[in-house]
Amino acid sequence: QVQLVESGGGLVQPGGSLRLSCVASVSGFSLEFMGWYRQAPGKERDLVARKGRYGSPVYADSVRGRFTIVRDNPKNTVYLEMDSLNSDDTAIYYCNADGNGHVYWGQGTQVTVSS
């Protein structure tokens, strides 16, 4: 069983920054990919960024250049550093991971960009 615990969401003004964190509790195997998805009201859940244990990260076009995903493999932790936030970034952000043949989700953390 893998548990993903997110933190760092909140209210931020347009142009501001936030940093999300996700810690995975894992035992007996290594996670392959870790990343972030988001779901805005009335929309589908979409990929924001993800990164394998090694190699380059993948970003959605809408966040490339503004968001940075950082992964700490020994700590089973993934961060999402978000800069130049705008109202389109308002959504619930979900941590995602896969490993041992399963996909895991966190409970989500709300990010609201508003003045």
Protein backbone atom coordinates (compact mmCIF):
# COMPACT_ATOMS: atom_id res chain seq x y z
CA GLN A 1 0.00 0.00 0.00
CA VAL A 2 1.31 3.43 -0.96
CA GLN A 3 0.09 6.65 0.58
CA LEU A 4 0.74 10.02 -1.01
CA VAL A 5 0.44 13.08 1.22
CA GLU A 6 0.39 16.50 -0.40
CA SER A 7 0.98 19.89 1.17
CA GLY A 8 1.62 23.47 0.14
CA GLY A 9 -1.57 24.56 -1.57
CA GLY A 10 -3.35 27.79 -0.80
CA LEU A 11 -4.40 31.20 -2.04
CA VAL A 12 -1.91 33.28 -4.03
CA GLN A 13 -2.15 36.46 -6.05
CA PRO A 14 -1.62 36.48 -9.80
CA GLY A 15 2.08 36.51 -10.56
CA GLY A 16 2.91 34.82 -7.29
CA SER A 17 4.56 31.54 -6.46
CA LEU A 18 3.75 28.38 -4.54
CA ARG A 19 5.57 25.17 -3.80
CA LEU A 20 3.72 21.88 -3.50
CA SER A 21 5.18 18.84 -1.80
CA CYS A 22 4.21 15.20 -1.95
CA VAL A 23 5.67 12.51 0.26
CA ALA A 24 5.09 8.88 -0.58
CA SER A 25 5.14 6.14 2.02
CA VAL A 26 6.49 3.11 0.19
CA SER A 27 7.75 -0.26 1.34
CA GLY A 28 9.35 -3.06 -0.63
CA PHE A 29 9.62 -1.49 -4.07
CA SER A 30 10.61 1.70 -5.84
CA LEU A 31 8.24 4.13 -7.49
CA GLU A 32 8.75 4.57 -11.22
CA PHE A 33 7.12 7.89 -12.05
CA MET A 34 6.03 10.62 -9.67
CA GLY A 35 4.23 13.73 -10.72
CA TRP A 36 1.33 16.14 -10.50
CA TYR A 37 -2.05 16.38 -12.14
CA ARG A 38 -4.67 19.07 -11.70
CA GLN A 39 -8.41 19.37 -12.07
CA ALA A 40 -10.21 22.67 -12.44
CA PRO A 41 -13.97 22.95 -11.82
CA GLY A 42 -15.92 21.39 -14.65
CA LYS A 43 -12.81 20.08 -16.38
CA GLU A 44 -10.96 16.81 -16.62
CA ARG A 45 -7.91 15.91 -14.58
CA ASP A 46 -4.86 16.75 -16.67
CA LEU A 47 -1.15 16.13 -16.37
CA VAL A 48 0.90 19.05 -15.07
CA ALA A 49 4.35 17.48 -14.78
CA ARG A 50 5.89 14.11 -14.10
CA LYS A 51 9.33 12.64 -13.73
CA GLY A 52 10.78 9.16 -13.72
CA ARG A 53 13.42 8.04 -11.30
CA TYR A 54 15.99 9.19 -13.81
CA GLY A 55 15.82 11.28 -16.95
CA SER A 56 14.13 14.46 -18.00
CA PRO A 57 10.79 15.65 -16.71
CA VAL A 58 7.68 16.08 -18.83
CA TYR A 59 5.56 19.24 -18.60
CA ALA A 60 2.21 20.31 -19.93
CA ASP A 61 2.56 23.05 -22.52
CA SER A 62 0.56 25.42 -20.34
CA VAL A 63 3.08 25.31 -17.48
CA ARG A 64 6.40 24.78 -19.23
CA GLY A 65 8.80 27.54 -18.27
CA ARG A 66 6.79 28.50 -15.19
CA PHE A 67 6.63 25.27 -13.19
CA THR A 68 9.50 23.04 -12.12
CA ILE A 69 9.20 19.49 -10.86
CA VAL A 70 11.88 18.24 -8.53
CA ARG A 71 12.15 14.69 -7.33
CA ASP A 72 14.08 13.37 -4.34
CA ASN A 73 14.32 9.63 -4.84
CA PRO A 74 15.80 8.66 -1.43
CA LYS A 75 13.01 10.58 0.30
CA ASN A 76 10.24 9.41 -2.07
CA THR A 77 9.26 13.03 -2.39
CA VAL A 78 8.29 15.17 -5.33
CA TYR A 79 7.94 18.93 -5.38
CA LEU A 80 6.22 21.27 -7.78
CA GLU A 81 7.59 24.79 -7.80
CA MET A 82 5.07 27.10 -9.43
CA ASP A 83 5.96 30.61 -10.55
CA SER A 84 4.09 33.32 -12.47
CA LEU A 85 0.78 31.85 -11.42
CA ASN A 86 -2.39 33.02 -13.11
CA SER A 87 -6.09 32.35 -12.72
CA ASP A 88 -5.93 29.46 -15.19
CA ASP A 89 -3.76 27.61 -12.69
CA THR A 90 -6.59 27.50 -10.15
CA ALA A 91 -7.39 23.85 -9.54
CA ILE A 92 -7.06 20.93 -7.18
CA TYR A 93 -3.57 19.51 -7.60
CA TYR A 94 -3.11 15.78 -7.17
CA CYS A 95 0.10 13.93 -6.55
CA ASN A 96 0.46 10.82 -8.69
CA ALA A 97 2.86 7.91 -8.60
CA ASP A 98 3.17 4.49 -10.13
CA GLY A 99 5.09 1.38 -9.21
CA ASN A 100 4.68 -2.33 -8.60
CA GLY A 101 2.01 -2.43 -11.32
CA HIS A 102 -0.28 0.11 -9.67
CA VAL A 103 -1.12 3.79 -9.92
CA TYR A 104 -1.52 5.83 -6.76
CA TRP A 105 -3.17 9.19 -6.05
CA GLY A 106 -3.04 11.67 -3.25
CA GLN A 107 -6.09 13.38 -1.81
CA GLY A 108 -5.39 16.65 -3.58
CA THR A 109 -4.52 20.15 -2.48
CA GLN A 110 -6.35 23.28 -3.57
CA VAL A 111 -4.48 26.04 -5.36
CA THR A 112 -6.39 29.26 -5.90
CA VAL A 113 -4.93 32.17 -7.84
CA SER A 114 -6.90 35.32 -7.19
CA SER A 115 -6.44 38.96 -6.26
